[in-house]
Amino acid sequence: QVQLVESGGGLVQPGGTLRLSCAVSGIRFSRNNMGWYRQAPGKQRELVADITPGGSTNYVDSVKGRFGISRDNANNTLYLQMNSLKPADTAVYSCAAGWGQGGYAYWGQGTQVTVSS
């Protein structure tokens, strides 16, 4: 059974930082593309960042220079370091695994990130 469990969300002031984690089990983590998505109220889910097994990364323009995706293959964990947070970053953040023709096959339950003063 594949499980993805996110943690690290919360309430933070504008300009603050958070680090999200995604603990993965049930798949060969080191061989999988991994992604972080977010969905704000009333908006479509969007890809925030993804990372290949080899460590190549990709970011949506709105987070470039502020967010960093990384992976720890020894501990089957995906991270999203979020710096200089803005109210526009407020959303439910979910990790995803198992990239295929139809997109990602496996998803976590999501963790809420709220950026507000």
Protein backbone atom coordinates (compact mmCIF):
# COMPACT_ATOMS: atom_id res chain seq x y z
CA GLN A 1 0.00 0.00 0.00
CA VAL A 2 1.40 3.34 -1.08
CA GLN A 3 1.29 6.08 1.55
CA LEU A 4 2.34 9.72 1.34
CA VAL A 5 2.09 11.71 4.57
CA GLU A 6 2.74 15.44 4.59
CA SER A 7 3.70 17.50 7.61
CA GLY A 8 5.06 20.93 8.42
CA GLY A 9 2.22 23.21 7.41
CA GLY A 10 0.86 25.97 9.60
CA LEU A 11 0.27 29.66 10.04
CA VAL A 12 3.15 32.00 9.26
CA GLN A 13 3.54 35.74 8.80
CA PRO A 14 4.42 37.24 5.41
CA GLY A 15 8.15 36.92 4.85
CA GLY A 16 8.37 33.86 7.04
CA THR A 17 9.56 30.34 6.31
CA LEU A 18 8.17 26.84 6.49
CA ARG A 19 9.56 23.44 5.59
CA LEU A 20 7.14 20.80 4.39
CA SER A 21 7.96 17.11 4.56
CA CYS A 22 6.39 14.15 2.78
CA ALA A 23 7.11 10.68 4.14
CA VAL A 24 6.66 8.04 1.45
CA SER A 25 6.20 4.29 1.75
CA GLY A 26 5.10 1.46 -0.52
CA ILE A 27 7.03 2.55 -3.65
CA ARG A 28 10.66 2.67 -4.71
CA PHE A 29 11.04 6.28 -3.71
CA SER A 30 14.51 6.75 -5.20
CA ARG A 31 13.27 5.76 -8.66
CA ASN A 32 10.26 8.04 -8.74
CA ASN A 33 9.64 11.57 -9.91
CA MET A 34 8.10 13.48 -7.01
CA GLY A 35 6.04 16.64 -6.94
CA TRP A 36 4.55 19.26 -4.67
CA TYR A 37 1.19 20.73 -5.64
CA ARG A 38 -1.01 23.32 -4.02
CA GLN A 39 -4.64 24.33 -4.21
CA ALA A 40 -5.98 27.61 -2.93
CA PRO A 41 -9.70 28.14 -2.23
CA GLY A 42 -11.60 28.65 -5.47
CA LYS A 43 -8.56 27.91 -7.62
CA GLN A 44 -7.32 24.94 -9.60
CA ARG A 45 -4.58 22.77 -8.21
CA GLU A 46 -1.18 23.78 -9.56
CA LEU A 47 2.23 22.20 -9.67
CA VAL A 48 4.60 24.05 -7.36
CA ALA A 49 7.77 22.05 -7.94
CA ASP A 50 8.95 18.63 -8.96
CA ILE A 51 12.15 16.64 -8.80
CA THR A 52 13.48 13.71 -10.79
CA PRO A 53 15.25 10.67 -9.34
CA GLY A 54 18.51 12.30 -10.39
CA GLY A 55 17.71 15.55 -8.61
CA SER A 56 16.72 17.79 -11.51
CA THR A 57 14.14 20.31 -10.39
CA ASN A 58 11.39 22.41 -11.90
CA TYR A 59 9.41 25.27 -10.33
CA VAL A 60 6.37 27.32 -11.14
CA ASP A 61 7.48 30.88 -11.90
CA SER A 62 5.74 32.36 -8.86
CA VAL A 63 7.98 30.47 -6.41
CA LYS A 64 11.33 30.53 -8.22
CA GLY A 65 14.05 31.88 -5.98
CA ARG A 66 11.91 31.42 -2.85
CA PHE A 67 11.11 27.70 -2.67
CA GLY A 68 13.42 24.70 -2.83
CA ILE A 69 12.41 21.09 -3.44
CA SER A 70 14.72 18.31 -2.29
CA ARG A 71 14.66 14.62 -1.56
CA ASP A 72 16.30 12.25 0.91
CA ASN A 73 16.36 8.90 -0.83
CA ALA A 74 17.85 7.15 2.21
CA ASN A 75 14.81 8.09 4.29
CA ASN A 76 12.14 8.11 1.56
CA THR A 77 11.28 11.72 2.30
CA LEU A 78 10.49 14.68 0.06
CA TYR A 79 10.90 18.27 1.25
CA LEU A 80 9.74 21.71 0.24
CA GLN A 81 11.62 24.61 1.80
CA MET A 82 9.50 27.75 1.53
CA ASN A 83 11.11 31.13 2.16
CA SER A 84 9.85 34.70 1.85
CA LEU A 85 6.29 33.48 2.04
CA LYS A 86 3.49 35.65 0.69
CA PRO A 87 -0.26 35.64 1.35
CA ALA A 88 -0.66 34.36 -2.22
CA ASP A 89 1.13 31.17 -1.15
CA THR A 90 -1.78 30.28 1.14
CA ALA A 91 -3.10 26.89 0.03
CA VAL A 92 -3.31 23.20 0.82
CA TYR A 93 -0.01 21.65 -0.23
CA SER A 94 0.11 18.02 -1.32
CA CYS A 95 2.93 15.74 -2.39
CA ALA A 96 2.59 13.33 -5.29
CA ALA A 97 4.41 10.28 -6.61
CA GLY A 98 4.19 7.70 -9.37
CA TRP A 99 4.37 9.86 -12.47
CA GLY A 100 2.79 8.29 -15.56
CA GLN A 101 0.94 9.19 -18.74
CA GLY A 102 -2.12 10.19 -16.75
CA GLY A 103 -0.15 12.28 -14.26
CA TYR A 104 0.76 11.36 -10.72
CA ALA A 105 -0.87 8.19 -9.40
CA TYR A 106 -0.40 8.67 -5.67
CA TRP A 107 -1.23 11.64 -3.48
CA GLY A 108 -0.94 12.67 0.13
CA GLN A 109 -3.80 14.10 2.13
CA GLY A 110 -2.38 17.61 2.09
CA THR A 111 -1.20 20.09 4.68
CA GLN A 112 -2.56 23.62 5.13
CA VAL A 113 -0.21 26.57 4.72
CA THR A 114 -1.62 29.96 5.72
CA VAL A 115 0.39 33.14 5.26
CA SER A 116 -1.19 36.01 7.12
CA SER A 117 -0.36 38.81 9.51
